[in-house]
mmCIF file of all heavy atoms, coordinates in Angstrom:
data_MODEL
# 
_entry.id   MODEL 
# 
loop_
_atom_site.group_PDB 
_atom_site.id 
_atom_site.type_symbol 
_atom_site.label_atom_id 
_atom_site.label_alt_id 
_atom_site.label_comp_id 
_atom_site.label_asym_id 
_atom_site.label_entity_id 
_atom_site.label_seq_id 
_atom_site.pdbx_PDB_ins_code 
_atom_site.Cartn_x 
_atom_site.Cartn_y 
_atom_site.Cartn_z 
_atom_site.occupancy 
_atom_site.B_iso_or_equiv 
_atom_site.pdbx_formal_charge 
_atom_site.auth_seq_id 
_atom_site.auth_comp_id 
_atom_site.auth_asym_id 
_atom_site.auth_atom_id 
_atom_site.pdbx_PDB_model_num 
ATOM 1   N N   . ASP A 1 1  ? 17.234  -8.674  -4.224  1.00 0.00 ? 1  ASP A N   1 
ATOM 2   C CA  . ASP A 1 1  ? 17.309  -8.850  -5.672  1.00 0.00 ? 1  ASP A CA  1 
ATOM 3   C C   . ASP A 1 1  ? 16.538  -10.084 -6.124  1.00 0.00 ? 1  ASP A C   1 
ATOM 4   O O   . ASP A 1 1  ? 16.683  -10.534 -7.248  1.00 0.00 ? 1  ASP A O   1 
ATOM 5   C CB  . ASP A 1 1  ? 18.770  -8.938  -6.135  1.00 0.00 ? 1  ASP A CB  1 
ATOM 6   C CG  . ASP A 1 1  ? 19.526  -10.100 -5.498  1.00 0.00 ? 1  ASP A CG  1 
ATOM 7   O OD1 . ASP A 1 1  ? 18.919  -10.846 -4.689  1.00 0.00 ? 1  ASP A OD1 1 
ATOM 8   O OD2 . ASP A 1 1  ? 20.730  -10.250 -5.786  1.00 0.00 ? 1  ASP A OD2 1 
ATOM 9   N N   . ARG A 1 2  ? 15.696  -10.622 -5.228  1.00 0.00 ? 2  ARG A N   1 
ATOM 10  C CA  . ARG A 1 2  ? 14.914  -11.805 -5.593  1.00 0.00 ? 2  ARG A CA  1 
ATOM 11  C C   . ARG A 1 2  ? 13.538  -11.753 -4.955  1.00 0.00 ? 2  ARG A C   1 
ATOM 12  O O   . ARG A 1 2  ? 13.358  -11.198 -3.870  1.00 0.00 ? 2  ARG A O   1 
ATOM 13  C CB  . ARG A 1 2  ? 15.649  -13.084 -5.189  1.00 0.00 ? 2  ARG A CB  1 
ATOM 14  C CG  . ARG A 1 2  ? 15.878  -13.256 -3.701  1.00 0.00 ? 2  ARG A CG  1 
ATOM 15  C CD  . ARG A 1 2  ? 16.992  -14.236 -3.443  1.00 0.00 ? 2  ARG A CD  1 
ATOM 16  N NE  . ARG A 1 2  ? 18.249  -13.720 -3.961  1.00 0.00 ? 2  ARG A NE  1 
ATOM 17  C CZ  . ARG A 1 2  ? 19.370  -14.435 -4.050  1.00 0.00 ? 2  ARG A CZ  1 
ATOM 18  N NH1 . ARG A 1 2  ? 19.375  -15.685 -3.676  1.00 0.00 ? 2  ARG A NH1 1 
ATOM 19  N NH2 . ARG A 1 2  ? 20.478  -13.894 -4.523  1.00 0.00 ? 2  ARG A NH2 1 
ATOM 20  N N   . VAL A 1 3  ? 12.578  -12.345 -5.664  1.00 0.00 ? 3  VAL A N   1 
ATOM 21  C CA  . VAL A 1 3  ? 11.206  -12.393 -5.159  1.00 0.00 ? 3  VAL A CA  1 
ATOM 22  C C   . VAL A 1 3  ? 11.159  -13.188 -3.859  1.00 0.00 ? 3  VAL A C   1 
ATOM 23  O O   . VAL A 1 3  ? 11.888  -14.172 -3.685  1.00 0.00 ? 3  VAL A O   1 
ATOM 24  C CB  . VAL A 1 3  ? 10.286  -13.025 -6.221  1.00 0.00 ? 3  VAL A CB  1 
ATOM 25  C CG1 . VAL A 1 3  ? 8.883   -13.214 -5.678  1.00 0.00 ? 3  VAL A CG1 1 
ATOM 26  C CG2 . VAL A 1 3  ? 10.239  -12.145 -7.459  1.00 0.00 ? 3  VAL A CG2 1 
ATOM 27  N N   . PHE A 1 4  ? 10.304  -12.748 -2.940  1.00 0.00 ? 4  PHE A N   1 
ATOM 28  C CA  . PHE A 1 4  ? 10.064  -13.372 -1.638  1.00 0.00 ? 4  PHE A CA  1 
ATOM 29  C C   . PHE A 1 4  ? 11.200  -13.136 -0.653  1.00 0.00 ? 4  PHE A C   1 
ATOM 30  O O   . PHE A 1 4  ? 11.279  -13.804 0.379   1.00 0.00 ? 4  PHE A O   1 
ATOM 31  C CB  . PHE A 1 4  ? 9.761   -14.880 -1.757  1.00 0.00 ? 4  PHE A CB  1 
ATOM 32  C CG  . PHE A 1 4  ? 8.692   -15.199 -2.767  1.00 0.00 ? 4  PHE A CG  1 
ATOM 33  C CD1 . PHE A 1 4  ? 8.838   -16.263 -3.638  1.00 0.00 ? 4  PHE A CD1 1 
ATOM 34  C CD2 . PHE A 1 4  ? 7.533   -14.432 -2.843  1.00 0.00 ? 4  PHE A CD2 1 
ATOM 35  C CE1 . PHE A 1 4  ? 7.858   -16.563 -4.567  1.00 0.00 ? 4  PHE A CE1 1 
ATOM 36  C CE2 . PHE A 1 4  ? 6.544   -14.724 -3.770  1.00 0.00 ? 4  PHE A CE2 1 
ATOM 37  C CZ  . PHE A 1 4  ? 6.708   -15.789 -4.634  1.00 0.00 ? 4  PHE A CZ  1 
ATOM 38  N N   . GLY A 1 5  ? 12.055  -12.189 -0.960  1.00 0.00 ? 5  GLY A N   1 
ATOM 39  C CA  . GLY A 1 5  ? 13.034  -11.714 0.011   1.00 0.00 ? 5  GLY A CA  1 
ATOM 40  C C   . GLY A 1 5  ? 12.703  -10.274 0.359   1.00 0.00 ? 5  GLY A C   1 
ATOM 41  O O   . GLY A 1 5  ? 11.710  -9.703  -0.117  1.00 0.00 ? 5  GLY A O   1 
ATOM 42  N N   . GLY A 1 6  ? 13.509  -9.660  1.190   1.00 0.00 ? 6  GLY A N   1 
ATOM 43  C CA  . GLY A 1 6  ? 13.345  -8.248  1.502   1.00 0.00 ? 6  GLY A CA  1 
ATOM 44  C C   . GLY A 1 6  ? 12.042  -7.930  2.205   1.00 0.00 ? 6  GLY A C   1 
ATOM 45  O O   . GLY A 1 6  ? 11.402  -8.783  2.825   1.00 0.00 ? 6  GLY A O   1 
ATOM 46  N N   . ASN A 1 7  ? 11.633  -6.674  2.097   1.00 0.00 ? 7  ASN A N   1 
ATOM 47  C CA  . ASN A 1 7  ? 10.449  -6.176  2.794   1.00 0.00 ? 7  ASN A CA  1 
ATOM 48  C C   . ASN A 1 7  ? 9.341   -5.902  1.790   1.00 0.00 ? 7  ASN A C   1 
ATOM 49  O O   . ASN A 1 7  ? 9.536   -5.171  0.816   1.00 0.00 ? 7  ASN A O   1 
ATOM 50  C CB  . ASN A 1 7  ? 10.786  -4.892  3.562   1.00 0.00 ? 7  ASN A CB  1 
ATOM 51  C CG  . ASN A 1 7  ? 9.810   -4.614  4.679   1.00 0.00 ? 7  ASN A CG  1 
ATOM 52  O OD1 . ASN A 1 7  ? 8.781   -5.261  4.798   1.00 0.00 ? 7  ASN A OD1 1 
ATOM 53  N ND2 . ASN A 1 7  ? 10.128  -3.633  5.513   1.00 0.00 ? 7  ASN A ND2 1 
ATOM 54  N N   . GLN A 1 8  ? 8.177   -6.471  2.040   1.00 0.00 ? 8  GLN A N   1 
ATOM 55  C CA  . GLN A 1 8  ? 7.045   -6.309  1.129   1.00 0.00 ? 8  GLN A CA  1 
ATOM 56  C C   . GLN A 1 8  ? 6.488   -4.891  1.208   1.00 0.00 ? 8  GLN A C   1 
ATOM 57  O O   . GLN A 1 8  ? 6.457   -4.269  2.262   1.00 0.00 ? 8  GLN A O   1 
ATOM 58  C CB  . GLN A 1 8  ? 5.949   -7.305  1.493   1.00 0.00 ? 8  GLN A CB  1 
ATOM 59  C CG  . GLN A 1 8  ? 6.367   -8.758  1.383   1.00 0.00 ? 8  GLN A CG  1 
ATOM 60  C CD  . GLN A 1 8  ? 5.459   -9.649  2.210   1.00 0.00 ? 8  GLN A CD  1 
ATOM 61  O OE1 . GLN A 1 8  ? 5.525   -9.643  3.426   1.00 0.00 ? 8  GLN A OE1 1 
ATOM 62  N NE2 . GLN A 1 8  ? 4.604   -10.407 1.537   1.00 0.00 ? 8  GLN A NE2 1 
ATOM 63  N N   . LEU A 1 9  ? 6.030   -4.402  0.068   1.00 0.00 ? 9  LEU A N   1 
ATOM 64  C CA  . LEU A 1 9  ? 5.460   -3.061  -0.019  1.00 0.00 ? 9  LEU A CA  1 
ATOM 65  C C   . LEU A 1 9  ? 4.319   -3.072  -1.030  1.00 0.00 ? 9  LEU A C   1 
ATOM 66  O O   . LEU A 1 9  ? 4.447   -3.653  -2.107  1.00 0.00 ? 9  LEU A O   1 
ATOM 67  C CB  . LEU A 1 9  ? 6.525   -2.056  -0.480  1.00 0.00 ? 9  LEU A CB  1 
ATOM 68  C CG  . LEU A 1 9  ? 6.036   -0.635  -0.776  1.00 0.00 ? 9  LEU A CG  1 
ATOM 69  C CD1 . LEU A 1 9  ? 5.642   0.078   0.514   1.00 0.00 ? 9  LEU A CD1 1 
ATOM 70  C CD2 . LEU A 1 9  ? 7.106   0.154   -1.530  1.00 0.00 ? 9  LEU A CD2 1 
ATOM 71  N N   . ALA A 1 10 ? 3.227   -2.426  -0.675  1.00 0.00 ? 10 ALA A N   1 
ATOM 72  C CA  . ALA A 1 10 ? 2.151   -2.164  -1.631  1.00 0.00 ? 10 ALA A CA  1 
ATOM 73  C C   . ALA A 1 10 ? 2.173   -0.680  -1.987  1.00 0.00 ? 10 ALA A C   1 
ATOM 74  O O   . ALA A 1 10 ? 2.347   0.172   -1.112  1.00 0.00 ? 10 ALA A O   1 
ATOM 75  C CB  . ALA A 1 10 ? 0.797   -2.539  -1.044  1.00 0.00 ? 10 ALA A CB  1 
ATOM 76  N N   . VAL A 1 11 ? 2.024   -0.374  -3.265  1.00 0.00 ? 11 VAL A N   1 
ATOM 77  C CA  . VAL A 1 11 ? 2.044   1.005   -3.754  1.00 0.00 ? 11 VAL A CA  1 
ATOM 78  C C   . VAL A 1 11 ? 0.778   1.254   -4.566  1.00 0.00 ? 11 VAL A C   1 
ATOM 79  O O   . VAL A 1 11 ? 0.450   0.468   -5.464  1.00 0.00 ? 11 VAL A O   1 
ATOM 80  C CB  . VAL A 1 11 ? 3.278   1.275   -4.638  1.00 0.00 ? 11 VAL A CB  1 
ATOM 81  C CG1 . VAL A 1 11 ? 3.264   2.707   -5.166  1.00 0.00 ? 11 VAL A CG1 1 
ATOM 82  C CG2 . VAL A 1 11 ? 4.567   0.996   -3.874  1.00 0.00 ? 11 VAL A CG2 1 
ATOM 83  N N   . LEU A 1 12 ? 0.079   2.329   -4.247  1.00 0.00 ? 12 LEU A N   1 
ATOM 84  C CA  . LEU A 1 12 ? -1.025  2.800   -5.088  1.00 0.00 ? 12 LEU A CA  1 
ATOM 85  C C   . LEU A 1 12 ? -0.484  3.986   -5.879  1.00 0.00 ? 12 LEU A C   1 
ATOM 86  O O   . LEU A 1 12 ? -0.304  5.078   -5.334  1.00 0.00 ? 12 LEU A O   1 
ATOM 87  C CB  . LEU A 1 12 ? -2.231  3.199   -4.239  1.00 0.00 ? 12 LEU A CB  1 
ATOM 88  C CG  . LEU A 1 12 ? -3.184  2.040   -3.859  1.00 0.00 ? 12 LEU A CG  1 
ATOM 89  C CD1 . LEU A 1 12 ? -2.517  1.091   -2.867  1.00 0.00 ? 12 LEU A CD1 1 
ATOM 90  C CD2 . LEU A 1 12 ? -4.485  2.577   -3.309  1.00 0.00 ? 12 LEU A CD2 1 
ATOM 91  N N   . PRO A 1 13 ? -0.179  3.805   -7.177  1.00 0.00 ? 13 PRO A N   1 
ATOM 92  C CA  . PRO A 1 13 ? 0.499   4.850   -7.951  1.00 0.00 ? 13 PRO A CA  1 
ATOM 93  C C   . PRO A 1 13 ? -0.317  6.124   -8.119  1.00 0.00 ? 13 PRO A C   1 
ATOM 94  O O   . PRO A 1 13 ? 0.267   7.191   -8.357  1.00 0.00 ? 13 PRO A O   1 
ATOM 95  C CB  . PRO A 1 13 ? 0.757   4.186   -9.305  1.00 0.00 ? 13 PRO A CB  1 
ATOM 96  C CG  . PRO A 1 13 ? 0.687   2.721   -9.035  1.00 0.00 ? 13 PRO A CG  1 
ATOM 97  C CD  . PRO A 1 13 ? -0.325  2.574   -7.950  1.00 0.00 ? 13 PRO A CD  1 
ATOM 98  N N   . ASP A 1 14 ? -1.627  6.043   -8.016  1.00 0.00 ? 14 ASP A N   1 
ATOM 99  C CA  . ASP A 1 14 ? -2.489  7.227   -8.112  1.00 0.00 ? 14 ASP A CA  1 
ATOM 100 C C   . ASP A 1 14 ? -3.581  7.083   -7.068  1.00 0.00 ? 14 ASP A C   1 
ATOM 101 O O   . ASP A 1 14 ? -4.579  6.399   -7.279  1.00 0.00 ? 14 ASP A O   1 
ATOM 102 C CB  . ASP A 1 14 ? -3.085  7.355   -9.508  1.00 0.00 ? 14 ASP A CB  1 
ATOM 103 C CG  . ASP A 1 14 ? -3.902  8.641   -9.674  1.00 0.00 ? 14 ASP A CG  1 
ATOM 104 O OD1 . ASP A 1 14 ? -4.091  9.367   -8.679  1.00 0.00 ? 14 ASP A OD1 1 
ATOM 105 O OD2 . ASP A 1 14 ? -4.349  8.900   -10.804 1.00 0.00 ? 14 ASP A OD2 1 
ATOM 106 N N   . ALA A 1 15 ? -3.377  7.750   -5.919  1.00 0.00 ? 15 ALA A N   1 
ATOM 107 C CA  . ALA A 1 15 ? -4.296  7.602   -4.790  1.00 0.00 ? 15 ALA A CA  1 
ATOM 108 C C   . ALA A 1 15 ? -5.236  8.785   -4.639  1.00 0.00 ? 15 ALA A C   1 
ATOM 109 O O   . ALA A 1 15 ? -5.864  8.944   -3.589  1.00 0.00 ? 15 ALA A O   1 
ATOM 110 C CB  . ALA A 1 15 ? -3.490  7.400   -3.499  1.00 0.00 ? 15 ALA A CB  1 
ATOM 111 N N   . ARG A 1 16 ? -5.344  9.601   -5.679  1.00 0.00 ? 16 ARG A N   1 
ATOM 112 C CA  . ARG A 1 16 ? -6.235  10.757  -5.590  1.00 0.00 ? 16 ARG A CA  1 
ATOM 113 C C   . ARG A 1 16 ? -7.661  10.314  -5.273  1.00 0.00 ? 16 ARG A C   1 
ATOM 114 O O   . ARG A 1 16 ? -8.161  9.358   -5.853  1.00 0.00 ? 16 ARG A O   1 
ATOM 115 C CB  . ARG A 1 16 ? -6.191  11.548  -6.896  1.00 0.00 ? 16 ARG A CB  1 
ATOM 116 C CG  . ARG A 1 16 ? -4.910  12.355  -7.080  1.00 0.00 ? 16 ARG A CG  1 
ATOM 117 C CD  . ARG A 1 16 ? -4.865  13.046  -8.428  1.00 0.00 ? 16 ARG A CD  1 
ATOM 118 N NE  . ARG A 1 16 ? -4.733  12.084  -9.523  1.00 0.00 ? 16 ARG A NE  1 
ATOM 119 C CZ  . ARG A 1 16 ? -4.650  12.427  -10.810 1.00 0.00 ? 16 ARG A CZ  1 
ATOM 120 N NH1 . ARG A 1 16 ? -4.680  13.717  -11.151 1.00 0.00 ? 16 ARG A NH1 1 
ATOM 121 N NH2 . ARG A 1 16 ? -4.523  11.497  -11.735 1.00 0.00 ? 16 ARG A NH2 1 
ATOM 122 N N   . GLY A 1 17 ? -8.304  11.027  -4.339  1.00 0.00 ? 17 GLY A N   1 
ATOM 123 C CA  . GLY A 1 17 ? -9.661  10.702  -3.933  1.00 0.00 ? 17 GLY A CA  1 
ATOM 124 C C   . GLY A 1 17 ? -9.745  9.901   -2.652  1.00 0.00 ? 17 GLY A C   1 
ATOM 125 O O   . GLY A 1 17 ? -10.842 9.754   -2.086  1.00 0.00 ? 17 GLY A O   1 
ATOM 126 N N   . LEU A 1 18 ? -8.609  9.380   -2.169  1.00 0.00 ? 18 LEU A N   1 
ATOM 127 C CA  . LEU A 1 18 ? -8.606  8.610   -0.926  1.00 0.00 ? 18 LEU A CA  1 
ATOM 128 C C   . LEU A 1 18 ? -8.334  9.529   0.256   1.00 0.00 ? 18 LEU A C   1 
ATOM 129 O O   . LEU A 1 18 ? -7.435  10.376  0.198   1.00 0.00 ? 18 LEU A O   1 
ATOM 130 C CB  . LEU A 1 18 ? -7.542  7.514   -0.978  1.00 0.00 ? 18 LEU A CB  1 
ATOM 131 C CG  . LEU A 1 18 ? -7.726  6.416   -2.034  1.00 0.00 ? 18 LEU A CG  1 
ATOM 132 C CD1 . LEU A 1 18 ? -6.564  5.456   -2.004  1.00 0.00 ? 18 LEU A CD1 1 
ATOM 133 C CD2 . LEU A 1 18 ? -9.048  5.681   -1.815  1.00 0.00 ? 18 LEU A CD2 1 
ATOM 134 N N   . ASP A 1 19 ? -9.092  9.356   1.330   1.00 0.00 ? 19 ASP A N   1 
ATOM 135 C CA  . ASP A 1 19 ? -8.826  10.114  2.551   1.00 0.00 ? 19 ASP A CA  1 
ATOM 136 C C   . ASP A 1 19 ? -8.079  9.230   3.545   1.00 0.00 ? 19 ASP A C   1 
ATOM 137 O O   . ASP A 1 19 ? -7.876  8.024   3.317   1.00 0.00 ? 19 ASP A O   1 
ATOM 138 C CB  . ASP A 1 19 ? -10.109 10.677  3.156   1.00 0.00 ? 19 ASP A CB  1 
ATOM 139 C CG  . ASP A 1 19 ? -11.125 9.590   3.528   1.00 0.00 ? 19 ASP A CG  1 
ATOM 140 O OD1 . ASP A 1 19 ? -10.752 8.398   3.591   1.00 0.00 ? 19 ASP A OD1 1 
ATOM 141 O OD2 . ASP A 1 19 ? -12.294 9.940   3.756   1.00 0.00 ? 19 ASP A OD2 1 
ATOM 142 N N   . ALA A 1 20 ? -7.683  9.816   4.677   1.00 0.00 ? 20 ALA A N   1 
ATOM 143 C CA  . ALA A 1 20 ? -6.847  9.100   5.632   1.00 0.00 ? 20 ALA A CA  1 
ATOM 144 C C   . ALA A 1 20 ? -7.520  7.844   6.185   1.00 0.00 ? 20 ALA A C   1 
ATOM 145 O O   . ALA A 1 20 ? -6.882  6.779   6.254   1.00 0.00 ? 20 ALA A O   1 
ATOM 146 C CB  . ALA A 1 20 ? -6.416  10.032  6.757   1.00 0.00 ? 20 ALA A CB  1 
ATOM 147 N N   . PRO A 1 21 ? -8.803  7.892   6.602   1.00 0.00 ? 21 PRO A N   1 
ATOM 148 C CA  . PRO A 1 21 ? -9.403  6.661   7.111   1.00 0.00 ? 21 PRO A CA  1 
ATOM 149 C C   . PRO A 1 21 ? -9.437  5.530   6.087   1.00 0.00 ? 21 PRO A C   1 
ATOM 150 O O   . PRO A 1 21 ? -9.221  4.360   6.431   1.00 0.00 ? 21 PRO A O   1 
ATOM 151 C CB  . PRO A 1 21 ? -10.822 7.096   7.502   1.00 0.00 ? 21 PRO A CB  1 
ATOM 152 C CG  . PRO A 1 21 ? -10.702 8.555   7.789   1.00 0.00 ? 21 PRO A CG  1 
ATOM 153 C CD  . PRO A 1 21 ? -9.699  9.059   6.800   1.00 0.00 ? 21 PRO A CD  1 
ATOM 154 N N   . LEU A 1 22 ? -9.681  5.875   4.819   1.00 0.00 ? 22 LEU A N   1 
ATOM 155 C CA  . LEU A 1 22 ? -9.716  4.837   3.799   1.00 0.00 ? 22 LEU A CA  1 
ATOM 156 C C   . LEU A 1 22 ? -8.311  4.297   3.520   1.00 0.00 ? 22 LEU A C   1 
ATOM 157 O O   . LEU A 1 22 ? -8.127  3.088   3.326   1.00 0.00 ? 22 LEU A O   1 
ATOM 158 C CB  . LEU A 1 22 ? -10.348 5.382   2.520   1.00 0.00 ? 22 LEU A CB  1 
ATOM 159 C CG  . LEU A 1 22 ? -10.793 4.356   1.470   1.00 0.00 ? 22 LEU A CG  1 
ATOM 160 C CD1 . LEU A 1 22 ? -11.591 3.218   2.099   1.00 0.00 ? 22 LEU A CD1 1 
ATOM 161 C CD2 . LEU A 1 22 ? -11.599 5.047   0.385   1.00 0.00 ? 22 LEU A CD2 1 
ATOM 162 N N   . MET A 1 23 ? -7.308  5.188   3.514   1.00 0.00 ? 23 MET A N   1 
ATOM 163 C CA  . MET A 1 23 ? -5.936  4.709   3.346   1.00 0.00 ? 23 MET A CA  1 
ATOM 164 C C   . MET A 1 23 ? -5.534  3.791   4.488   1.00 0.00 ? 23 MET A C   1 
ATOM 165 O O   . MET A 1 23 ? -4.868  2.770   4.278   1.00 0.00 ? 23 MET A O   1 
ATOM 166 C CB  . MET A 1 23 ? -4.975  5.900   3.223   1.00 0.00 ? 23 MET A CB  1 
ATOM 167 C CG  . MET A 1 23 ? -5.056  6.609   1.883   1.00 0.00 ? 23 MET A CG  1 
ATOM 168 S SD  . MET A 1 23 ? -3.787  7.884   1.661   1.00 0.00 ? 23 MET A SD  1 
ATOM 169 C CE  . MET A 1 23 ? -4.570  9.270   2.505   1.00 0.00 ? 23 MET A CE  1 
ATOM 170 N N   . GLN A 1 24 ? -5.948  4.142   5.698   1.00 0.00 ? 24 GLN A N   1 
ATOM 171 C CA  . GLN A 1 24 ? -5.643  3.271   6.833   1.00 0.00 ? 24 GLN A CA  1 
ATOM 172 C C   . GLN A 1 24 ? -6.310  1.910   6.686   1.00 0.00 ? 24 GLN A C   1 
ATOM 173 O O   . GLN A 1 24 ? -5.705  0.870   6.965   1.00 0.00 ? 24 GLN A O   1 
ATOM 174 C CB  . GLN A 1 24 ? -6.091  3.936   8.136   1.00 0.00 ? 24 GLN A CB  1 
ATOM 175 C CG  . GLN A 1 24 ? -5.721  3.145   9.388   1.00 0.00 ? 24 GLN A CG  1 
ATOM 176 C CD  . GLN A 1 24 ? -4.222  3.059   9.577   1.00 0.00 ? 24 GLN A CD  1 
ATOM 177 O OE1 . GLN A 1 24 ? -3.588  4.005   10.005  1.00 0.00 ? 24 GLN A OE1 1 
ATOM 178 N NE2 . GLN A 1 24 ? -3.640  1.903   9.242   1.00 0.00 ? 24 GLN A NE2 1 
ATOM 179 N N   . ALA A 1 25 ? -7.554  1.903   6.224   1.00 0.00 ? 25 ALA A N   1 
ATOM 180 C CA  . ALA A 1 25 ? -8.256  0.638   6.021   1.00 0.00 ? 25 ALA A CA  1 
ATOM 181 C C   . ALA A 1 25 ? -7.577  -0.210  4.951   1.00 0.00 ? 25 ALA A C   1 
ATOM 182 O O   . ALA A 1 25 ? -7.480  -1.440  5.082   1.00 0.00 ? 25 ALA A O   1 
ATOM 183 C CB  . ALA A 1 25 ? -9.714  0.903   5.647   1.00 0.00 ? 25 ALA A CB  1 
ATOM 184 N N   . ILE A 1 26 ? -7.097  0.430   3.890   1.00 0.00 ? 26 ILE A N   1 
ATOM 185 C CA  . ILE A 1 26 ? -6.392  -0.305  2.827   1.00 0.00 ? 26 ILE A CA  1 
ATOM 186 C C   . ILE A 1 26 ? -5.094  -0.889  3.363   1.00 0.00 ? 26 ILE A C   1 
ATOM 187 O O   . ILE A 1 26 ? -4.740  -2.040  3.066   1.00 0.00 ? 26 ILE A O   1 
ATOM 188 C CB  . ILE A 1 26 ? -6.141  0.627   1.626   1.00 0.00 ? 26 ILE A CB  1 
ATOM 189 C CG1 . ILE A 1 26 ? -7.470  0.983   0.951   1.00 0.00 ? 26 ILE A CG1 1 
ATOM 190 C CG2 . ILE A 1 26 ? -5.188  -0.029  0.624   1.00 0.00 ? 26 ILE A CG2 1 
ATOM 191 C CD1 . ILE A 1 26 ? -7.358  2.098   -0.067  1.00 0.00 ? 26 ILE A CD1 1 
ATOM 192 N N   . ALA A 1 27 ? -4.354  -0.104  4.161   1.00 0.00 ? 27 ALA A N   1 
ATOM 193 C CA  . ALA A 1 27 ? -3.115  -0.609  4.744   1.00 0.00 ? 27 ALA A CA  1 
ATOM 194 C C   . ALA A 1 27 ? -3.381  -1.815  5.638   1.00 0.00 ? 27 ALA A C   1 
ATOM 195 O O   . ALA A 1 27 ? -2.612  -2.792  5.642   1.00 0.00 ? 27 ALA A O   1 
ATOM 196 C CB  . ALA A 1 27 ? -2.417  0.503   5.527   1.00 0.00 ? 27 ALA A CB  1 
ATOM 197 N N   . ARG A 1 28 ? -4.478  -1.767  6.399   1.00 0.00 ? 28 ARG A N   1 
ATOM 198 C CA  . ARG A 1 28 ? -4.820  -2.929  7.224   1.00 0.00 ? 28 ARG A CA  1 
ATOM 199 C C   . ARG A 1 28 ? -5.206  -4.125  6.358   1.00 0.00 ? 28 ARG A C   1 
ATOM 200 O O   . ARG A 1 28 ? -4.929  -5.273  6.699   1.00 0.00 ? 28 ARG A O   1 
ATOM 201 C CB  . ARG A 1 28 ? -5.965  -2.578  8.175   1.00 0.00 ? 28 ARG A CB  1 
ATOM 202 C CG  . ARG A 1 28 ? -5.538  -1.730  9.368   1.00 0.00 ? 28 ARG A CG  1 
ATOM 203 C CD  . ARG A 1 28 ? -6.600  -1.737  10.457  1.00 0.00 ? 28 ARG A CD  1 
ATOM 204 N NE  . ARG A 1 28 ? -7.854  -1.157  10.001  1.00 0.00 ? 28 ARG A NE  1 
ATOM 205 C CZ  . ARG A 1 28 ? -8.191  0.125   10.172  1.00 0.00 ? 28 ARG A CZ  1 
ATOM 206 N NH1 . ARG A 1 28 ? -7.346  0.960   10.774  1.00 0.00 ? 28 ARG A NH1 1 
ATOM 207 N NH2 . ARG A 1 28 ? -9.340  0.575   9.736   1.00 0.00 ? 28 ARG A NH2 1 
ATOM 208 N N   . GLU A 1 29 ? -5.859  -3.859  5.232   1.00 0.00 ? 29 GLU A N   1 
ATOM 209 C CA  . GLU A 1 29 ? -6.251  -4.949  4.334   1.00 0.00 ? 29 GLU A CA  1 
ATOM 210 C C   . GLU A 1 29 ? -5.023  -5.642  3.742   1.00 0.00 ? 29 GLU A C   1 
ATOM 211 O O   . GLU A 1 29 ? -4.954  -6.873  3.706   1.00 0.00 ? 29 GLU A O   1 
ATOM 212 C CB  . GLU A 1 29 ? -7.145  -4.409  3.216   1.00 0.00 ? 29 GLU A CB  1 
ATOM 213 C CG  . GLU A 1 29 ? -7.638  -5.460  2.235   1.00 0.00 ? 29 GLU A CG  1 
ATOM 214 C CD  . GLU A 1 29 ? -8.701  -6.375  2.830   1.00 0.00 ? 29 GLU A CD  1 
ATOM 215 O OE1 . GLU A 1 29 ? -9.227  -6.075  3.918   1.00 0.00 ? 29 GLU A OE1 1 
ATOM 216 O OE2 . GLU A 1 29 ? -8.995  -7.403  2.191   1.00 0.00 ? 29 GLU A OE2 1 
# 
């Protein structure tokens, strides 16, 4: 319930057009 706690997550709300290799590269980034 507070910033800088818990588990960090990045979300791309609209990922249309991305393929698996590019998604993997973004996750590594």
